[in-house]
Amino acid sequence: MNVIKIIIIGFALLTTMSVNASMTCSGRILEVVKWSGLEDISIMLENTGRYIKFTDKTAISMILTAFSTQKNVVVLMDYDSVTSCNEGWTHYTIHKGYLKVER
């Protein structure tokens, strides 16, 4: 009887746990892409192999500054499906997370 209770409690604990799989990637911005008719820009961060789309005007200003000065950036991709920086998402995935420009 006690074993069954332990199994049920263990199963309940396992099913209530949630794990977020976000990925932090860093490096220089290799390319900046702007499509006509859109205000968004996308970047190719070194060692990622995929473009990240930015729609926020503050982030776009930070990106252009980092690109022109060749500063490293840190990008958090806050998606459960992103588990790798190297080709870990589809091209032009809209950024969700944070962006940091390093010294």
PDB file of N, CA and C in Angstrom:
ATOM      1  N   MET A   1       0.809  -1.187   0.000  1.00  0.00           N
ATOM      2  CA  MET A   1       0.000   0.000   0.000  1.00  0.00           C
ATOM      3  C   MET A   1       0.862   1.265   0.000  1.00  0.00           C
ATOM      4  N   ASN A   2       1.939   1.291   0.791  1.00  0.00           N
ATOM      5  CA  ASN A   2       2.813   2.456   0.851  1.00  0.00           C
ATOM      6  C   ASN A   2       3.567   2.668  -0.459  1.00  0.00           C
ATOM      7  N   VAL A   3       3.907   1.578  -1.138  1.00  0.00           N
ATOM      8  CA  VAL A   3       4.612   1.678  -2.401  1.00  0.00           C
ATOM      9  C   VAL A   3       3.723   2.356  -3.446  1.00  0.00           C
ATOM     10  N   ILE A   4       2.464   2.032  -3.449  1.00  0.00           N
ATOM     11  CA  ILE A   4       1.537   2.636  -4.403  1.00  0.00           C
ATOM     12  C   ILE A   4       1.413   4.136  -4.131  1.00  0.00           C
ATOM     13  N   LYS A   5       1.349   4.533  -2.868  1.00  0.00           N
ATOM     14  CA  LYS A   5       1.279   5.945  -2.524  1.00  0.00           C
ATOM     15  C   LYS A   5       2.537   6.678  -2.990  1.00  0.00           C
ATOM     16  N   ILE A   6       3.685   6.075  -2.791  1.00  0.00           N
ATOM     17  CA  ILE A   6       4.948   6.689  -3.206  1.00  0.00           C
ATOM     18  C   ILE A   6       4.992   6.850  -4.722  1.00  0.00           C
ATOM     19  N   ILE A   7       4.540   5.846  -5.445  1.00  0.00           N
ATOM     20  CA  ILE A   7       4.514   5.915  -6.908  1.00  0.00           C
ATOM     21  C   ILE A   7       3.562   7.016  -7.367  1.00  0.00           C
ATOM     22  N   ILE A   8       2.402   7.114  -6.759  1.00  0.00           N
ATOM     23  CA  ILE A   8       1.429   8.143  -7.144  1.00  0.00           C
ATOM     24  C   ILE A   8       1.978   9.539  -6.835  1.00  0.00           C
ATOM     25  N   ILE A   9       2.573   9.713  -5.678  1.00  0.00           N
ATOM     26  CA  ILE A   9       3.146  11.019  -5.320  1.00  0.00           C
ATOM     27  C   ILE A   9       4.300  11.367  -6.258  1.00  0.00           C
ATOM     28  N   GLY A  10       5.153  10.395  -6.545  1.00  0.00           N
ATOM     29  CA  GLY A  10       6.267  10.624  -7.472  1.00  0.00           C
ATOM     30  C   GLY A  10       5.781  11.000  -8.850  1.00  0.00           C
ATOM     31  N   PHE A  11       4.771  10.311  -9.346  1.00  0.00           N
ATOM     32  CA  PHE A  11       4.204  10.624 -10.660  1.00  0.00           C
ATOM     33  C   PHE A  11       3.590  12.022 -10.672  1.00  0.00           C
ATOM     34  N   ALA A  12       2.901  12.382  -9.590  1.00  0.00           N
ATOM     35  CA  ALA A  12       2.290  13.710  -9.500  1.00  0.00           C
ATOM     36  C   ALA A  12       3.357  14.804  -9.503  1.00  0.00           C
ATOM     37  N   LEU A  13       4.445  14.579  -8.808  1.00  0.00           N
ATOM     38  CA  LEU A  13       5.529  15.567  -8.784  1.00  0.00           C
ATOM     39  C   LEU A  13       6.181  15.707 -10.153  1.00  0.00           C
ATOM     40  N   LEU A  14       6.372  14.608 -10.845  1.00  0.00           N
ATOM     41  CA  LEU A  14       6.996  14.662 -12.165  1.00  0.00           C
ATOM     42  C   LEU A  14       6.128  15.371 -13.187  1.00  0.00           C
ATOM     43  N   THR A  15       4.829  15.190 -13.093  1.00  0.00           N
ATOM     44  CA  THR A  15       3.947  15.816 -14.077  1.00  0.00           C
ATOM     45  C   THR A  15       3.730  17.292 -13.800  1.00  0.00           C
ATOM     46  N   THR A  16       3.991  17.764 -12.582  1.00  0.00           N
ATOM     47  CA  THR A  16       3.809  19.179 -12.277  1.00  0.00           C
ATOM     48  C   THR A  16       5.071  19.995 -12.539  1.00  0.00           C
ATOM     49  N   MET A  17       6.202  19.357 -12.734  1.00  0.00           N
ATOM     50  CA  MET A  17       7.440  20.086 -13.023  1.00  0.00           C
ATOM     51  C   MET A  17       7.421  20.573 -14.460  1.00  0.00           C
ATOM     52  N   SER A  18       7.891  21.815 -14.664  1.00  0.00           N
ATOM     53  CA  SER A  18       8.008  22.321 -16.015  1.00  0.00           C
ATOM     54  C   SER A  18       9.432  22.812 -16.212  1.00  0.00           C
ATOM     55  N   VAL A  19       9.989  22.499 -17.351  1.00  0.00           N
ATOM     56  CA  VAL A  19      11.361  22.876 -17.650  1.00  0.00           C
ATOM     57  C   VAL A  19      11.350  23.775 -18.875  1.00  0.00           C
ATOM     58  N   ASN A  20      11.930  24.960 -18.740  1.00  0.00           N
ATOM     59  CA  ASN A  20      12.056  25.864 -19.864  1.00  0.00           C
ATOM     60  C   ASN A  20      13.418  25.664 -20.500  1.00  0.00           C
ATOM     61  N   ALA A  21      13.438  25.523 -21.806  1.00  0.00           N
ATOM     62  CA  ALA A  21      14.683  25.298 -22.525  1.00  0.00           C
ATOM     63  C   ALA A  21      14.991  26.525 -23.371  1.00  0.00           C
ATOM     64  N   SER A  22      15.518  27.561 -22.736  1.00  0.00           N
ATOM     65  CA  SER A  22      15.927  28.733 -23.492  1.00  0.00           C
ATOM     66  C   SER A  22      17.426  28.667 -23.728  1.00  0.00           C
ATOM     67  N   MET A  23      17.902  29.422 -24.717  1.00  0.00           N
ATOM     68  CA  MET A  23      19.298  29.338 -25.099  1.00  0.00           C
ATOM     69  C   MET A  23      19.868  30.746 -25.193  1.00  0.00           C
ATOM     70  N   THR A  24      21.044  30.951 -24.599  1.00  0.00           N
ATOM     71  CA  THR A  24      21.738  32.222 -24.695  1.00  0.00           C
ATOM     72  C   THR A  24      22.891  32.066 -25.670  1.00  0.00           C
ATOM     73  N   CYS A  25      22.905  32.907 -26.711  1.00  0.00           N
ATOM     74  CA  CYS A  25      23.932  32.860 -27.745  1.00  0.00           C
ATOM     75  C   CYS A  25      24.646  34.204 -27.772  1.00  0.00           C
ATOM     76  N   SER A  26      25.938  34.175 -28.076  1.00  0.00           N
ATOM     77  CA  SER A  26      26.683  35.424 -28.115  1.00  0.00           C
ATOM     78  C   SER A  26      27.663  35.425 -29.279  1.00  0.00           C
ATOM     79  N   GLY A  27      28.074  36.624 -29.665  1.00  0.00           N
ATOM     80  CA  GLY A  27      29.045  36.785 -30.736  1.00  0.00           C
ATOM     81  C   GLY A  27      28.802  38.090 -31.470  1.00  0.00           C
ATOM     82  N   ARG A  28      29.517  38.280 -32.557  1.00  0.00           N
ATOM     83  CA  ARG A  28      29.345  39.474 -33.382  1.00  0.00           C
ATOM     84  C   ARG A  28      28.207  39.276 -34.372  1.00  0.00           C
ATOM     85  N   ILE A  29      27.606  40.374 -34.762  1.00  0.00           N
ATOM     86  CA  ILE A  29      26.561  40.346 -35.781  1.00  0.00           C
ATOM     87  C   ILE A  29      27.255  40.336 -37.137  1.00  0.00           C
ATOM     88  N   LEU A  30      27.011  39.297 -37.934  1.00  0.00           N
ATOM     89  CA  LEU A  30      27.645  39.171 -39.236  1.00  0.00           C
ATOM     90  C   LEU A  30      26.871  39.890 -40.329  1.00  0.00           C
ATOM     91  N   GLU A  31      25.540  39.864 -40.251  1.00  0.00           N
ATOM     92  CA  GLU A  31      24.697  40.468 -41.283  1.00  0.00           C
ATOM     93  C   GLU A  31      23.475  41.112 -40.644  1.00  0.00           C
ATOM     94  N   VAL A  32      23.021  42.186 -41.269  1.00  0.00           N
ATOM     95  CA  VAL A  32      21.760  42.826 -40.899  1.00  0.00           C
ATOM     96  C   VAL A  32      20.905  42.856 -42.157  1.00  0.00           C
ATOM     97  N   VAL A  33      19.662  42.387 -42.049  1.00  0.00           N
ATOM     98  CA  VAL A  33      18.764  42.314 -43.204  1.00  0.00           C
ATOM     99  C   VAL A  33      17.516  43.128 -42.901  1.00  0.00           C
ATOM    100  N   LYS A  34      17.134  43.977 -43.866  1.00  0.00           N
ATOM    101  CA  LYS A  34      15.902  44.741 -43.766  1.00  0.00           C
ATOM    102  C   LYS A  34      15.097  44.515 -45.041  1.00  0.00           C
ATOM    103  N   TRP A  35      13.877  44.033 -44.901  1.00  0.00           N
ATOM    104  CA  TRP A  35      12.999  43.792 -46.044  1.00  0.00           C
ATOM    105  C   TRP A  35      12.229  45.060 -46.366  1.00  0.00           C
ATOM    106  N   SER A  36      12.022  45.339 -47.656  1.00  0.00           N
ATOM    107  CA  SER A  36      11.246  46.517 -48.043  1.00  0.00           C
ATOM    108  C   SER A  36       9.801  46.351 -47.568  1.00  0.00           C
ATOM    109  N   GLY A  37       9.209  47.459 -47.152  1.00  0.00           N
ATOM    110  CA  GLY A  37       7.823  47.425 -46.694  1.00  0.00           C
ATOM    111  C   GLY A  37       7.659  47.032 -45.243  1.00  0.00           C
ATOM    112  N   LEU A  38       8.746  46.645 -44.569  1.00  0.00           N
ATOM    113  CA  LEU A  38       8.679  46.261 -43.159  1.00  0.00           C
ATOM    114  C   LEU A  38       9.614  47.147 -42.346  1.00  0.00           C
ATOM    115  N   GLU A  39       9.265  47.370 -41.094  1.00  0.00           N
ATOM    116  CA  GLU A  39      10.143  48.128 -40.208  1.00  0.00           C
ATOM    117  C   GLU A  39      11.060  47.216 -39.415  1.00  0.00           C
ATOM    118  N   ASP A  40      10.881  45.922 -39.508  1.00  0.00           N
ATOM    119  CA  ASP A  40      11.687  44.956 -38.767  1.00  0.00           C
ATOM    120  C   ASP A  40      13.056  44.787 -39.413  1.00  0.00           C
ATOM    121  N   ILE A  41      14.017  44.322 -38.617  1.00  0.00           N
ATOM    122  CA  ILE A  41      15.293  43.895 -39.171  1.00  0.00           C
ATOM    123  C   ILE A  41      15.610  42.513 -38.618  1.00  0.00           C
ATOM    124  N   SER A  42      16.463  41.815 -39.330  1.00  0.00           N
ATOM    125  CA  SER A  42      16.919  40.507 -38.893  1.00  0.00           C
ATOM    126  C   SER A  42      18.434  40.511 -38.872  1.00  0.00           C
ATOM    127  N   ILE A  43      18.996  39.697 -37.986  1.00  0.00           N
ATOM    128  CA  ILE A  43      20.448  39.610 -37.886  1.00  0.00           C
ATOM    129  C   ILE A  43      20.897  38.167 -38.011  1.00  0.00           C
ATOM    130  N   MET A  44      22.115  38.019 -38.500  1.00  0.00           N
ATOM    131  CA  MET A  44      22.796  36.725 -38.474  1.00  0.00           C
ATOM    132  C   MET A  44      23.915  36.881 -37.457  1.00  0.00           C
ATOM    133  N   LEU A  45      23.807  36.165 -36.365  1.00  0.00           N
ATOM    134  CA  LEU A  45      24.822  36.178 -35.314  1.00  0.00           C
ATOM    135  C   LEU A  45      25.844  35.095 -35.630  1.00  0.00           C
ATOM    136  N   GLU A  46      27.133  35.398 -35.448  1.00  0.00           N
ATOM    137  CA  GLU A  46      28.152  34.409 -35.782  1.00  0.00           C
ATOM    138  C   GLU A  46      27.927  33.113 -35.010  1.00  0.00           C
ATOM    139  N   ASN A  47      28.229  32.008 -35.640  1.00  0.00           N
ATOM    140  CA  ASN A  47      28.115  30.657 -35.084  1.00  0.00           C
ATOM    141  C   ASN A  47      26.680  30.192 -34.858  1.00  0.00           C
ATOM    142  N   THR A  48      25.692  30.877 -35.448  1.00  0.00           N
ATOM    143  CA  THR A  48      24.311  30.418 -35.276  1.00  0.00           C
ATOM    144  C   THR A  48      23.745  29.800 -36.545  1.00  0.00           C
ATOM    145  N   GLY A  49      24.073  30.349 -37.702  1.00  0.00           N
ATOM    146  CA  GLY A  49      23.563  29.807 -38.955  1.00  0.00           C
ATOM    147  C   GLY A  49      22.103  30.122 -39.224  1.00  0.00           C
ATOM    148  N   ARG A  50      21.486  30.954 -38.390  1.00  0.00           N
ATOM    149  CA  ARG A  50      20.072  31.299 -38.554  1.00  0.00           C
ATOM    150  C   ARG A  50      19.864  32.783 -38.280  1.00  0.00           C
ATOM    151  N   TYR A  51      18.879  33.352 -38.971  1.00  0.00           N
ATOM    152  CA  TYR A  51      18.522  34.745 -38.751  1.00  0.00           C
ATOM    153  C   TYR A  51      17.545  34.860 -37.590  1.00  0.00           C
ATOM    154  N   ILE A  52      17.657  35.969 -36.851  1.00  0.00           N
ATOM    155  CA  ILE A  52      16.735  36.297 -35.768  1.00  0.00           C
ATOM    156  C   ILE A  52      16.079  37.622 -36.138  1.00  0.00           C
ATOM    157  N   LYS A  53      14.755  37.666 -36.097  1.00  0.00           N
ATOM    158  CA  LYS A  53      14.016  38.880 -36.460  1.00  0.00           C
ATOM    159  C   LYS A  53      13.727  39.709 -35.208  1.00  0.00           C
ATOM    160  N   PHE A  54      13.986  41.029 -35.312  1.00  0.00           N
ATOM    161  CA  PHE A  54      13.722  41.969 -34.225  1.00  0.00           C
ATOM    162  C   PHE A  54      12.678  42.975 -34.683  1.00  0.00           C
ATOM    163  N   THR A  55      11.664  43.207 -33.863  1.00  0.00           N
ATOM    164  CA  THR A  55      10.585  44.123 -34.200  1.00  0.00           C
ATOM    165  C   THR A  55      10.572  45.356 -33.301  1.00  0.00           C
ATOM    166  N   ASP A  56      11.261  45.308 -32.194  1.00  0.00           N
ATOM    167  CA  ASP A  56      11.293  46.393 -31.219  1.00  0.00           C
ATOM    168  C   ASP A  56      12.279  47.479 -31.654  1.00  0.00           C
ATOM    169  N   LYS A  57      11.853  48.725 -31.662  1.00  0.00           N
ATOM    170  CA  LYS A  57      12.700  49.818 -32.144  1.00  0.00           C
ATOM    171  C   LYS A  57      13.937  50.030 -31.273  1.00  0.00           C
ATOM    172  N   THR A  58      13.830  49.820 -29.973  1.00  0.00           N
ATOM    173  CA  THR A  58      14.992  49.952 -29.101  1.00  0.00           C
ATOM    174  C   THR A  58      16.018  48.878 -29.424  1.00  0.00           C
ATOM    175  N   ALA A  59      15.568  47.650 -29.604  1.00  0.00           N
ATOM    176  CA  ALA A  59      16.480  46.558 -29.956  1.00  0.00           C
ATOM    177  C   ALA A  59      17.128  46.814 -31.311  1.00  0.00           C
ATOM    178  N   ILE A  60      16.361  47.360 -32.254  1.00  0.00           N
ATOM    179  CA  ILE A  60      16.910  47.655 -33.577  1.00  0.00           C
ATOM    180  C   ILE A  60      18.021  48.692 -33.463  1.00  0.00           C
ATOM    181  N   SER A  61      17.831  49.722 -32.635  1.00  0.00           N
ATOM    182  CA  SER A  61      18.881  50.726 -32.422  1.00  0.00           C
ATOM    183  C   SER A  61      20.123  50.093 -31.807  1.00  0.00           C
ATOM    184  N   MET A  62      19.919  49.221 -30.834  1.00  0.00           N
ATOM    185  CA  MET A  62      21.056  48.538 -30.200  1.00  0.00           C
ATOM    186  C   MET A  62      21.810  47.681 -31.215  1.00  0.00           C
ATOM    187  N   ILE A  63      21.060  46.992 -32.055  1.00  0.00           N
ATOM    188  CA  ILE A  63      21.666  46.114 -33.060  1.00  0.00           C
ATOM    189  C   ILE A  63      22.496  46.917 -34.052  1.00  0.00           C
ATOM    190  N   LEU A  64      21.955  48.015 -34.549  1.00  0.00           N
ATOM    191  CA  LEU A  64      22.683  48.827 -35.521  1.00  0.00           C
ATOM    192  C   LEU A  64      23.956  49.413 -34.914  1.00  0.00           C
ATOM    193  N   THR A  65      23.885  49.816 -33.647  1.00  0.00           N
ATOM    194  CA  THR A  65      25.069  50.322 -32.960  1.00  0.00           C
ATOM    195  C   THR A  65      26.109  49.219 -32.797  1.00  0.00           C
ATOM    196  N   ALA A  66      25.681  48.052 -32.354  1.00  0.00           N
ATOM    197  CA  ALA A  66      26.607  46.932 -32.159  1.00  0.00           C
ATOM    198  C   ALA A  66      27.224  46.495 -33.478  1.00  0.00           C
ATOM    199  N   PHE A  67      26.430  46.491 -34.547  1.00  0.00           N
ATOM    200  CA  PHE A  67      26.936  46.085 -35.851  1.00  0.00           C
ATOM    201  C   PHE A  67      27.973  47.084 -36.375  1.00  0.00           C
ATOM    202  N   SER A  68      27.690  48.370 -36.241  1.00  0.00           N
ATOM    203  CA  SER A  68      28.609  49.386 -36.772  1.00  0.00           C
ATOM    204  C   SER A  68      29.907  49.460 -35.976  1.00  0.00           C
ATOM    205  N   THR A  69      29.865  49.133 -34.695  1.00  0.00           N
ATOM    206  CA  THR A  69      31.073  49.170 -33.871  1.00  0.00           C
ATOM    207  C   THR A  69      31.714  47.798 -33.687  1.00  0.00           C
ATOM    208  N   GLN A  70      31.096  46.764 -34.270  1.00  0.00           N
ATOM    209  CA  GLN A  70      31.584  45.388 -34.179  1.00  0.00           C
ATOM    210  C   GLN A  70      31.711  44.894 -32.730  1.00  0.00           C
ATOM    211  N   LYS A  71      30.751  45.293 -31.895  1.00  0.00           N
ATOM    212  CA  LYS A  71      30.693  44.830 -30.506  1.00  0.00           C
ATOM    213  C   LYS A  71      30.011  43.470 -30.457  1.00  0.00           C
ATOM    214  N   ASN A  72      30.354  42.673 -29.476  1.00  0.00           N
ATOM    215  CA  ASN A  72      29.672  41.402 -29.249  1.00  0.00           C
ATOM    216  C   ASN A  72      28.301  41.665 -28.642  1.00  0.00           C
ATOM    217  N   VAL A  73      27.354  40.820 -29.000  1.00  0.00           N
ATOM    218  CA  VAL A  73      26.025  40.882 -28.408  1.00  0.00           C
ATOM    219  C   VAL A  73      25.701  39.534 -27.773  1.00  0.00           C
ATOM    220  N   VAL A  74      24.812  39.577 -26.806  1.00  0.00           N
ATOM    221  CA  VAL A  74      24.289  38.369 -26.168  1.00  0.00           C
ATOM    222  C   VAL A  74      22.797  38.370 -26.407  1.00  0.00           C
ATOM    223  N   VAL A  75      22.289  37.272 -26.940  1.00  0.00           N
ATOM    224  CA  VAL A  75      20.870  37.161 -27.276  1.00  0.00           C
ATOM    225  C   VAL A  75      20.302  35.932 -26.573  1.00  0.00           C
ATOM    226  N   LEU A  76      19.263  36.147 -25.781  1.00  0.00           N
ATOM    227  CA  LEU A  76      18.540  35.030 -25.175  1.00  0.00           C
ATOM    228  C   LEU A  76      17.374  34.695 -26.079  1.00  0.00           C
ATOM    229  N   MET A  77      17.312  33.463 -26.543  1.00  0.00           N
ATOM    230  CA  MET A  77      16.172  32.966 -27.314  1.00  0.00           C
ATOM    231  C   MET A  77      15.294  32.190 -26.334  1.00  0.00           C
ATOM    232  N   ASP A  78      14.241  32.825 -25.867  1.00  0.00           N
ATOM    233  CA  ASP A  78      13.409  32.262 -24.806  1.00  0.00           C
ATOM    234  C   ASP A  78      12.251  31.446 -25.373  1.00  0.00           C
ATOM    235  N   TYR A  79      12.611  30.355 -26.031  1.00  0.00           N
ATOM    236  CA  TYR A  79      11.632  29.410 -26.585  1.00  0.00           C
ATOM    237  C   TYR A  79      11.987  28.014 -26.087  1.00  0.00           C
ATOM    238  N   ASP A  80      10.979  27.232 -25.748  1.00  0.00           N
ATOM    239  CA  ASP A  80      11.228  25.855 -25.318  1.00  0.00           C
ATOM    240  C   ASP A  80      11.835  25.020 -26.438  1.00  0.00           C
ATOM    241  N   SER A  81      11.549  25.379 -27.678  1.00  0.00           N
ATOM    242  CA  SER A  81      12.022  24.583 -28.813  1.00  0.00           C
ATOM    243  C   SER A  81      13.471  24.895 -29.193  1.00  0.00           C
ATOM    244  N   VAL A  82      14.047  25.969 -28.672  1.00  0.00           N
ATOM    245  CA  VAL A  82      15.427  26.338 -29.004  1.00  0.00           C
ATOM    246  C   VAL A  82      16.355  25.739 -27.970  1.00  0.00           C
ATOM    247  N   THR A  83      17.153  24.777 -28.398  1.00  0.00           N
ATOM    248  CA  THR A  83      18.059  24.089 -27.481  1.00  0.00           C
ATOM    249  C   THR A  83      19.502  24.160 -27.938  1.00  0.00           C
ATOM    250  N   SER A  84      19.769  24.900 -29.014  1.00  0.00           N
ATOM    251  CA  SER A  84      21.118  25.018 -29.546  1.00  0.00           C
ATOM    252  C   SER A  84      21.274  26.370 -30.225  1.00  0.00           C
ATOM    253  N   CYS A  85      22.476  26.942 -30.143  1.00  0.00           N
ATOM    254  CA  CYS A  85      22.735  28.192 -30.866  1.00  0.00           C
ATOM    255  C   CYS A  85      23.012  27.923 -32.332  1.00  0.00           C
ATOM    256  N   ASN A  86      23.611  26.799 -32.637  1.00  0.00           N
ATOM    257  CA  ASN A  86      23.968  26.468 -34.013  1.00  0.00           C
ATOM    258  C   ASN A  86      22.776  25.846 -34.725  1.00  0.00           C
ATOM    259  N   GLU A  87      22.111  26.661 -35.558  1.00  0.00           N
ATOM    260  CA  GLU A  87      20.946  26.225 -36.337  1.00  0.00           C
ATOM    261  C   GLU A  87      19.832  25.665 -35.450  1.00  0.00           C
ATOM    262  N   GLY A  88      19.622  26.300 -34.298  1.00  0.00           N
ATOM    263  CA  GLY A  88      18.657  25.811 -33.324  1.00  0.00           C
ATOM    264  C   GLY A  88      17.245  26.340 -33.477  1.00  0.00           C
ATOM    265  N   TRP A  89      16.975  27.139 -34.535  1.00  0.00           N
ATOM    266  CA  TRP A  89      15.637  27.670 -34.774  1.00  0.00           C
ATOM    267  C   TRP A  89      15.468  27.899 -36.266  1.00  0.00           C
ATOM    268  N   THR A  90      14.241  28.153 -36.693  1.00  0.00           N
ATOM    269  CA  THR A  90      14.007  28.417 -38.114  1.00  0.00           C
ATOM    270  C   THR A  90      14.427  29.841 -38.442  1.00  0.00           C
ATOM    271  N   HIS A  91      14.789  30.082 -39.703  1.00  0.00           N
ATOM    272  CA  HIS A  91      15.176  31.422 -40.124  1.00  0.00           C
ATOM    273  C   HIS A  91      14.068  32.424 -39.820  1.00  0.00           C
ATOM    274  N   TYR A  92      14.467  33.613 -39.427  1.00  0.00           N
ATOM    275  CA  TYR A  92      13.577  34.748 -39.175  1.00  0.00           C
ATOM    276  C   TYR A  92      12.599  34.501 -38.029  1.00  0.00           C
ATOM    277  N   THR A  93      13.030  33.733 -37.035  1.00  0.00           N
ATOM    278  CA  THR A  93      12.239  33.575 -35.823  1.00  0.00           C
ATOM    279  C   THR A  93      12.233  34.913 -35.091  1.00  0.00           C
ATOM    280  N   ILE A  94      11.057  35.349 -34.668  1.00  0.00           N
ATOM    281  CA  ILE A  94      10.946  36.631 -33.958  1.00  0.00           C
ATOM    282  C   ILE A  94      11.578  36.484 -32.578  1.00  0.00           C
ATOM    283  N   HIS A  95      12.435  37.446 -32.250  1.00  0.00           N
ATOM    284  CA  HIS A  95      13.160  37.398 -30.987  1.00  0.00           C
ATOM    285  C   HIS A  95      12.210  37.501 -29.807  1.00  0.00           C
ATOM    286  N   LYS A  96      12.439  36.632 -28.842  1.00  0.00           N
ATOM    287  CA  LYS A  96      11.736  36.658 -27.565  1.00  0.00           C
ATOM    288  C   LYS A  96      12.785  36.392 -26.499  1.00  0.00           C
ATOM    289  N   GLY A  97      13.029  37.345 -25.643  1.00  0.00           N
ATOM    290  CA  GLY A  97      14.070  37.212 -24.645  1.00  0.00           C
ATOM    291  C   GLY A  97      14.760  38.539 -24.444  1.00  0.00           C
ATOM    292  N   TYR A  98      16.061  38.507 -24.190  1.00  0.00           N
ATOM    293  CA  TYR A  98      16.762  39.768 -24.034  1.00  0.00           C
ATOM    294  C   TYR A  98      17.908  39.895 -25.018  1.00  0.00           C
ATOM    295  N   LEU A  99      18.355  41.139 -25.171  1.00  0.00           N
ATOM    296  CA  LEU A  99      19.476  41.480 -26.051  1.00  0.00           C
ATOM    297  C   LEU A  99      20.413  42.345 -25.237  1.00  0.00           C
ATOM    298  N   LYS A 100      21.704  42.012 -25.260  1.00  0.00           N
ATOM    299  CA  LYS A 100      22.699  42.788 -24.527  1.00  0.00           C
ATOM    300  C   LYS A 100      23.878  43.071 -25.440  1.00  0.00           C
ATOM    301  N   VAL A 101      24.348  44.316 -25.446  1.00  0.00           N
ATOM    302  CA  VAL A 101      25.548  44.684 -26.191  1.00  0.00           C
ATOM    303  C   VAL A 101      26.686  44.738 -25.188  1.00  0.00           C
ATOM    304  N   GLU A 102      27.764  43.996 -25.483  1.00  0.00           N
ATOM    305  CA  GLU A 102      28.907  43.955 -24.574  1.00  0.00           C
ATOM    306  C   GLU A 102      29.937  45.013 -24.941  1.00  0.00           C
ATOM    307  N   ARG A 103      30.822  45.312 -24.030  1.00  0.00           N
ATOM    308  CA  ARG A 103      31.920  46.277 -24.286  1.00  0.00           C
ATOM    309  C   ARG A 103      32.861  45.773 -25.309  1.00  0.00           C
TER     310      ARG A 103
END
